[in-house]
Amino acid sequence: MIVYDANVTQSNAVDSVMIYHRLLFHISLYLLLNIFFWRLICSLGLHAMFGVTYFITRSSGNINVQEFLVVGL
């Protein structure tokens, strides 16, 4: 009976460790994806703002659309 109790507590401890590692893995994966997507969104936003400011501050009347797209992207 004592051996059975020890086995039960050992299996519970192993299960809790596995759950803890799985939780850590999911949290780290979520943070990595979150940071990646935020960097992607921020970089796209910065490129768009740069392109818009380049378009606004362009002095000449006839703007080259291809040049604006290259600078904006």
PDB file of N, CA and C in Angstrom:
ATOM      1  N   MET A   1       0.835  -1.201   0.000  1.00  0.00           N
ATOM      2  CA  MET A   1       0.000   0.000   0.000  1.00  0.00           C
ATOM      3  C   MET A   1       0.875   1.258   0.000  1.00  0.00           C
ATOM      4  N   ILE A   2       1.978   1.223   0.716  1.00  0.00           N
ATOM      5  CA  ILE A   2       2.871   2.377   0.753  1.00  0.00           C
ATOM      6  C   ILE A   2       3.511   2.584  -0.618  1.00  0.00           C
ATOM      7  N   VAL A   3       3.883   1.497  -1.282  1.00  0.00           N
ATOM      8  CA  VAL A   3       4.478   1.589  -2.619  1.00  0.00           C
ATOM      9  C   VAL A   3       3.468   2.183  -3.590  1.00  0.00           C
ATOM     10  N   TYR A   4       2.202   1.770  -3.445  1.00  0.00           N
ATOM     11  CA  TYR A   4       1.166   2.301  -4.351  1.00  0.00           C
ATOM     12  C   TYR A   4       0.982   3.793  -4.138  1.00  0.00           C
ATOM     13  N   ASP A   5       1.015   4.232  -2.879  1.00  0.00           N
ATOM     14  CA  ASP A   5       0.902   5.662  -2.609  1.00  0.00           C
ATOM     15  C   ASP A   5       2.093   6.421  -3.177  1.00  0.00           C
ATOM     16  N   ALA A   6       3.283   5.854  -3.057  1.00  0.00           N
ATOM     17  CA  ALA A   6       4.470   6.510  -3.606  1.00  0.00           C
ATOM     18  C   ALA A   6       4.375   6.589  -5.123  1.00  0.00           C
ATOM     19  N   ASN A   7       3.892   5.520  -5.763  1.00  0.00           N
ATOM     20  CA  ASN A   7       3.748   5.551  -7.215  1.00  0.00           C
ATOM     21  C   ASN A   7       2.737   6.605  -7.654  1.00  0.00           C
ATOM     22  N   VAL A   8       1.656   6.721  -6.914  1.00  0.00           N
ATOM     23  CA  VAL A   8       0.637   7.705  -7.270  1.00  0.00           C
ATOM     24  C   VAL A   8       1.210   9.117  -7.159  1.00  0.00           C
ATOM     25  N   THR A   9       1.923   9.388  -6.068  1.00  0.00           N
ATOM     26  CA  THR A   9       2.474  10.738  -5.918  1.00  0.00           C
ATOM     27  C   THR A   9       3.559  10.997  -6.959  1.00  0.00           C
ATOM     28  N   GLN A  10       4.325   9.967  -7.300  1.00  0.00           N
ATOM     29  CA  GLN A  10       5.361  10.161  -8.309  1.00  0.00           C
ATOM     30  C   GLN A  10       4.725  10.454  -9.663  1.00  0.00           C
ATOM     31  N   SER A  11       3.680   9.717 -10.018  1.00  0.00           N
ATOM     32  CA  SER A  11       3.038   9.958 -11.303  1.00  0.00           C
ATOM     33  C   SER A  11       2.369  11.340 -11.314  1.00  0.00           C
ATOM     34  N   ASN A  12       1.806  11.741 -10.177  1.00  0.00           N
ATOM     35  CA  ASN A  12       1.232  13.077 -10.108  1.00  0.00           C
ATOM     36  C   ASN A  12       2.298  14.155 -10.281  1.00  0.00           C
ATOM     37  N   ALA A  13       3.464  13.907  -9.676  1.00  0.00           N
ATOM     38  CA  ALA A  13       4.553  14.875  -9.821  1.00  0.00           C
ATOM     39  C   ALA A  13       5.023  14.936 -11.268  1.00  0.00           C
ATOM     40  N   VAL A  14       5.132  13.792 -11.918  1.00  0.00           N
ATOM     41  CA  VAL A  14       5.553  13.774 -13.328  1.00  0.00           C
ATOM     42  C   VAL A  14       4.518  14.485 -14.191  1.00  0.00           C
ATOM     43  N   ASP A  15       3.238  14.232 -13.911  1.00  0.00           N
ATOM     44  CA  ASP A  15       2.192  14.905 -14.674  1.00  0.00           C
ATOM     45  C   ASP A  15       2.244  16.413 -14.475  1.00  0.00           C
ATOM     46  N   SER A  16       2.469  16.849 -13.243  1.00  0.00           N
ATOM     47  CA  SER A  16       2.509  18.287 -12.992  1.00  0.00           C
ATOM     48  C   SER A  16       3.719  18.920 -13.679  1.00  0.00           C
ATOM     49  N   VAL A  17       4.852  18.191 -13.696  1.00  0.00           N
ATOM     50  CA  VAL A  17       6.026  18.719 -14.388  1.00  0.00           C
ATOM     51  C   VAL A  17       5.767  18.813 -15.880  1.00  0.00           C
ATOM     52  N   MET A  18       5.117  17.790 -16.436  1.00  0.00           N
ATOM     53  CA  MET A  18       4.813  17.825 -17.872  1.00  0.00           C
ATOM     54  C   MET A  18       3.840  18.962 -18.201  1.00  0.00           C
ATOM     55  N   ILE A  19       2.839  19.144 -17.335  1.00  0.00           N
ATOM     56  CA  ILE A  19       1.891  20.244 -17.551  1.00  0.00           C
ATOM     57  C   ILE A  19       2.607  21.582 -17.458  1.00  0.00           C
ATOM     58  N   TYR A  20       3.530  21.702 -16.520  1.00  0.00           N
ATOM     59  CA  TYR A  20       4.283  22.945 -16.351  1.00  0.00           C
ATOM     60  C   TYR A  20       5.148  23.224 -17.580  1.00  0.00           C
ATOM     61  N   HIS A  21       5.826  22.181 -18.081  1.00  0.00           N
ATOM     62  CA  HIS A  21       6.656  22.379 -19.271  1.00  0.00           C
ATOM     63  C   HIS A  21       5.804  22.713 -20.487  1.00  0.00           C
ATOM     64  N   ARG A  22       4.651  22.067 -20.609  1.00  0.00           N
ATOM     65  CA  ARG A  22       3.762  22.349 -21.737  1.00  0.00           C
ATOM     66  C   ARG A  22       3.234  23.785 -21.657  1.00  0.00           C
ATOM     67  N   LEU A  23       2.911  24.222 -20.433  1.00  0.00           N
ATOM     68  CA  LEU A  23       2.443  25.586 -20.244  1.00  0.00           C
ATOM     69  C   LEU A  23       3.526  26.598 -20.596  1.00  0.00           C
ATOM     70  N   LEU A  24       4.754  26.317 -20.153  1.00  0.00           N
ATOM     71  CA  LEU A  24       5.870  27.203 -20.498  1.00  0.00           C
ATOM     72  C   LEU A  24       6.089  27.246 -22.000  1.00  0.00           C
ATOM     73  N   PHE A  25       5.987  26.099 -22.655  1.00  0.00           N
ATOM     74  CA  PHE A  25       6.176  26.046 -24.099  1.00  0.00           C
ATOM     75  C   PHE A  25       5.123  26.873 -24.814  1.00  0.00           C
ATOM     76  N   HIS A  26       3.864  26.740 -24.394  1.00  0.00           N
ATOM     77  CA  HIS A  26       2.796  27.487 -25.050  1.00  0.00           C
ATOM     78  C   HIS A  26       2.924  28.986 -24.806  1.00  0.00           C
ATOM     79  N   ILE A  27       3.314  29.351 -23.590  1.00  0.00           N
ATOM     80  CA  ILE A  27       3.480  30.779 -23.290  1.00  0.00           C
ATOM     81  C   ILE A  27       4.622  31.372 -24.103  1.00  0.00           C
ATOM     82  N   SER A  28       5.743  30.645 -24.196  1.00  0.00           N
ATOM     83  CA  SER A  28       6.879  31.164 -24.968  1.00  0.00           C
ATOM     84  C   SER A  28       6.537  31.228 -26.451  1.00  0.00           C
ATOM     85  N   LEU A  29       5.829  30.218 -26.953  1.00  0.00           N
ATOM     86  CA  LEU A  29       5.429  30.242 -28.365  1.00  0.00           C
ATOM     87  C   LEU A  29       4.493  31.420 -28.634  1.00  0.00           C
ATOM     88  N   TYR A  30       3.538  31.652 -27.725  1.00  0.00           N
ATOM     89  CA  TYR A  30       2.607  32.769 -27.888  1.00  0.00           C
ATOM     90  C   TYR A  30       3.352  34.098 -27.868  1.00  0.00           C
ATOM     91  N   LEU A  31       4.313  34.244 -26.955  1.00  0.00           N
ATOM     92  CA  LEU A  31       5.068  35.493 -26.886  1.00  0.00           C
ATOM     93  C   LEU A  31       5.909  35.707 -28.140  1.00  0.00           C
ATOM     94  N   LEU A  32       6.544  34.632 -28.632  1.00  0.00           N
ATOM     95  CA  LEU A  32       7.355  34.759 -29.843  1.00  0.00           C
ATOM     96  C   LEU A  32       6.496  35.168 -31.038  1.00  0.00           C
ATOM     97  N   LEU A  33       5.340  34.511 -31.191  1.00  0.00           N
ATOM     98  CA  LEU A  33       4.464  34.863 -32.314  1.00  0.00           C
ATOM     99  C   LEU A  33       3.928  36.272 -32.156  1.00  0.00           C
ATOM    100  N   ASN A  34       3.599  36.648 -30.926  1.00  0.00           N
ATOM    101  CA  ASN A  34       3.088  37.986 -30.668  1.00  0.00           C
ATOM    102  C   ASN A  34       4.132  39.047 -31.024  1.00  0.00           C
ATOM    103  N   ILE A  35       5.358  38.827 -30.579  1.00  0.00           N
ATOM    104  CA  ILE A  35       6.428  39.789 -30.875  1.00  0.00           C
ATOM    105  C   ILE A  35       6.686  39.847 -32.375  1.00  0.00           C
ATOM    106  N   PHE A  36       6.671  38.680 -33.039  1.00  0.00           N
ATOM    107  CA  PHE A  36       6.914  38.653 -34.480  1.00  0.00           C
ATOM    108  C   PHE A  36       5.833  39.441 -35.223  1.00  0.00           C
ATOM    109  N   PHE A  37       4.556  39.205 -34.861  1.00  0.00           N
ATOM    110  CA  PHE A  37       3.485  39.894 -35.571  1.00  0.00           C
ATOM    111  C   PHE A  37       3.480  41.383 -35.261  1.00  0.00           C
ATOM    112  N   TRP A  38       3.806  41.757 -34.021  1.00  0.00           N
ATOM    113  CA  TRP A  38       3.853  43.177 -33.708  1.00  0.00           C
ATOM    114  C   TRP A  38       4.984  43.858 -34.466  1.00  0.00           C
ATOM    115  N   ARG A  39       6.135  43.184 -34.599  1.00  0.00           N
ATOM    116  CA  ARG A  39       7.238  43.762 -35.373  1.00  0.00           C
ATOM    117  C   ARG A  39       6.849  43.894 -36.830  1.00  0.00           C
ATOM    118  N   LEU A  40       6.126  42.887 -37.353  1.00  0.00           N
ATOM    119  CA  LEU A  40       5.680  42.936 -38.744  1.00  0.00           C
ATOM    120  C   LEU A  40       4.714  44.097 -38.959  1.00  0.00           C
ATOM    121  N   ILE A  41       3.750  44.237 -38.050  1.00  0.00           N
ATOM    122  CA  ILE A  41       2.767  45.312 -38.186  1.00  0.00           C
ATOM    123  C   ILE A  41       3.443  46.675 -38.043  1.00  0.00           C
ATOM    124  N   CYS A  42       4.360  46.797 -37.074  1.00  0.00           N
ATOM    125  CA  CYS A  42       5.036  48.079 -36.872  1.00  0.00           C
ATOM    126  C   CYS A  42       5.925  48.429 -38.059  1.00  0.00           C
ATOM    127  N   SER A  43       6.615  47.431 -38.619  1.00  0.00           N
ATOM    128  CA  SER A  43       7.474  47.731 -39.771  1.00  0.00           C
ATOM    129  C   SER A  43       6.631  48.129 -40.973  1.00  0.00           C
ATOM    130  N   LEU A  44       5.508  47.454 -41.175  1.00  0.00           N
ATOM    131  CA  LEU A  44       4.629  47.838 -42.283  1.00  0.00           C
ATOM    132  C   LEU A  44       4.067  49.239 -42.066  1.00  0.00           C
ATOM    133  N   GLY A  45       3.705  49.543 -40.818  1.00  0.00           N
ATOM    134  CA  GLY A  45       3.198  50.879 -40.523  1.00  0.00           C
ATOM    135  C   GLY A  45       4.249  51.953 -40.737  1.00  0.00           C
ATOM    136  N   LEU A  46       5.490  51.655 -40.348  1.00  0.00           N
ATOM    137  CA  LEU A  46       6.569  52.616 -40.558  1.00  0.00           C
ATOM    138  C   LEU A  46       6.822  52.835 -42.041  1.00  0.00           C
ATOM    139  N   HIS A  47       6.806  51.760 -42.821  1.00  0.00           N
ATOM    140  CA  HIS A  47       6.995  51.906 -44.259  1.00  0.00           C
ATOM    141  C   HIS A  47       5.871  52.718 -44.877  1.00  0.00           C
ATOM    142  N   ALA A  48       4.637  52.469 -44.423  1.00  0.00           N
ATOM    143  CA  ALA A  48       3.502  53.215 -44.964  1.00  0.00           C
ATOM    144  C   ALA A  48       3.606  54.694 -44.595  1.00  0.00           C
ATOM    145  N   MET A  49       3.977  55.000 -43.361  1.00  0.00           N
ATOM    146  CA  MET A  49       4.122  56.403 -42.961  1.00  0.00           C
ATOM    147  C   MET A  49       5.245  57.079 -43.742  1.00  0.00           C
ATOM    148  N   PHE A  50       6.346  56.352 -43.936  1.00  0.00           N
ATOM    149  CA  PHE A  50       7.455  56.915 -44.693  1.00  0.00           C
ATOM    150  C   PHE A  50       7.031  57.196 -46.122  1.00  0.00           C
ATOM    151  N   GLY A  51       6.272  56.247 -46.705  1.00  0.00           N
ATOM    152  CA  GLY A  51       5.807  56.460 -48.069  1.00  0.00           C
ATOM    153  C   GLY A  51       4.847  57.623 -48.178  1.00  0.00           C
ATOM    154  N   VAL A  52       3.950  57.767 -47.196  1.00  0.00           N
ATOM    155  CA  VAL A  52       2.982  58.870 -47.230  1.00  0.00           C
ATOM    156  C   VAL A  52       3.694  60.208 -47.056  1.00  0.00           C
ATOM    157  N   THR A  53       4.650  60.269 -46.124  1.00  0.00           N
ATOM    158  CA  THR A  53       5.365  61.535 -45.942  1.00  0.00           C
ATOM    159  C   THR A  53       6.215  61.861 -47.168  1.00  0.00           C
ATOM    160  N   TYR A  54       6.777  60.823 -47.801  1.00  0.00           N
ATOM    161  CA  TYR A  54       7.529  61.061 -49.028  1.00  0.00           C
ATOM    162  C   TYR A  54       6.603  61.576 -50.120  1.00  0.00           C
ATOM    163  N   PHE A  55       5.398  61.033 -50.161  1.00  0.00           N
ATOM    164  CA  PHE A  55       4.420  61.455 -51.167  1.00  0.00           C
ATOM    165  C   PHE A  55       3.970  62.897 -50.910  1.00  0.00           C
ATOM    166  N   ILE A  56       3.807  63.257 -49.637  1.00  0.00           N
ATOM    167  CA  ILE A  56       3.331  64.606 -49.313  1.00  0.00           C
ATOM    168  C   ILE A  56       4.443  65.630 -49.523  1.00  0.00           C
ATOM    169  N   THR A  57       5.652  65.303 -49.095  1.00  0.00           N
ATOM    170  CA  THR A  57       6.734  66.285 -49.162  1.00  0.00           C
ATOM    171  C   THR A  57       7.438  66.301 -50.515  1.00  0.00           C
ATOM    172  N   ARG A  58       6.929  65.554 -51.441  1.00  0.00           N
ATOM    173  CA  ARG A  58       7.511  65.569 -52.784  1.00  0.00           C
ATOM    174  C   ARG A  58       7.229  66.941 -53.416  1.00  0.00           C
ATOM    175  N   SER A  59       8.251  67.595 -53.935  1.00  0.00           N
ATOM    176  CA  SER A  59       8.081  68.982 -54.367  1.00  0.00           C
ATOM    177  C   SER A  59       7.499  69.083 -55.771  1.00  0.00           C
ATOM    178  N   SER A  60       7.899  68.174 -56.673  1.00  0.00           N
ATOM    179  CA  SER A  60       7.456  68.314 -58.060  1.00  0.00           C
ATOM    180  C   SER A  60       6.002  67.896 -58.212  1.00  0.00           C
ATOM    181  N   GLY A  61       5.361  68.427 -59.254  1.00  0.00           N
ATOM    182  CA  GLY A  61       3.937  68.154 -59.455  1.00  0.00           C
ATOM    183  C   GLY A  61       3.687  66.750 -59.979  1.00  0.00           C
ATOM    184  N   ASN A  62       4.449  66.323 -60.967  1.00  0.00           N
ATOM    185  CA  ASN A  62       4.230  64.977 -61.519  1.00  0.00           C
ATOM    186  C   ASN A  62       5.055  63.975 -60.731  1.00  0.00           C
ATOM    187  N   ILE A  63       4.369  63.131 -59.973  1.00  0.00           N
ATOM    188  CA  ILE A  63       5.072  62.169 -59.124  1.00  0.00           C
ATOM    189  C   ILE A  63       5.206  60.866 -59.883  1.00  0.00           C
ATOM    190  N   ASN A  64       6.351  60.262 -59.718  1.00  0.00           N
ATOM    191  CA  ASN A  64       6.582  58.964 -60.330  1.00  0.00           C
ATOM    192  C   ASN A  64       6.021  57.892 -59.405  1.00  0.00           C
ATOM    193  N   VAL A  65       4.973  57.209 -59.864  1.00  0.00           N
ATOM    194  CA  VAL A  65       4.290  56.250 -59.000  1.00  0.00           C
ATOM    195  C   VAL A  65       5.207  55.077 -58.679  1.00  0.00           C
ATOM    196  N   GLN A  66       6.007  54.674 -59.640  1.00  0.00           N
ATOM    197  CA  GLN A  66       6.907  53.544 -59.396  1.00  0.00           C
ATOM    198  C   GLN A  66       7.948  53.907 -58.336  1.00  0.00           C
ATOM    199  N   GLU A  67       8.473  55.096 -58.405  1.00  0.00           N
ATOM    200  CA  GLU A  67       9.454  55.522 -57.402  1.00  0.00           C
ATOM    201  C   GLU A  67       8.816  55.614 -56.024  1.00  0.00           C
ATOM    202  N   PHE A  68       7.578  56.127 -55.973  1.00  0.00           N
ATOM    203  CA  PHE A  68       6.872  56.215 -54.689  1.00  0.00           C
ATOM    204  C   PHE A  68       6.620  54.832 -54.110  1.00  0.00           C
ATOM    205  N   LEU A  69       6.244  53.874 -54.956  1.00  0.00           N
ATOM    206  CA  LEU A  69       5.990  52.526 -54.455  1.00  0.00           C
ATOM    207  C   LEU A  69       7.271  51.867 -53.966  1.00  0.00           C
ATOM    208  N   VAL A  70       8.367  52.084 -54.654  1.00  0.00           N
ATOM    209  CA  VAL A  70       9.633  51.491 -54.227  1.00  0.00           C
ATOM    210  C   VAL A  70      10.066  52.076 -52.889  1.00  0.00           C
ATOM    211  N   VAL A  71       9.940  53.385 -52.736  1.00  0.00           N
ATOM    212  CA  VAL A  71      10.331  54.009 -51.473  1.00  0.00           C
ATOM    213  C   VAL A  71       9.349  53.623 -50.362  1.00  0.00           C
ATOM    214  N   GLY A  72       8.055  53.544 -50.692  1.00  0.00           N
ATOM    215  CA  GLY A  72       7.063  53.199 -49.673  1.00  0.00           C
ATOM    216  C   GLY A  72       7.158  51.763 -49.211  1.00  0.00           C
ATOM    217  N   LEU A  73       7.528  50.866 -50.105  1.00  0.00           N
ATOM    218  CA  LEU A  73       7.610  49.463 -49.716  1.00  0.00           C
ATOM    219  C   LEU A  73       9.026  49.103 -49.315  1.00  0.00           C
TER     220      LEU A  73
END
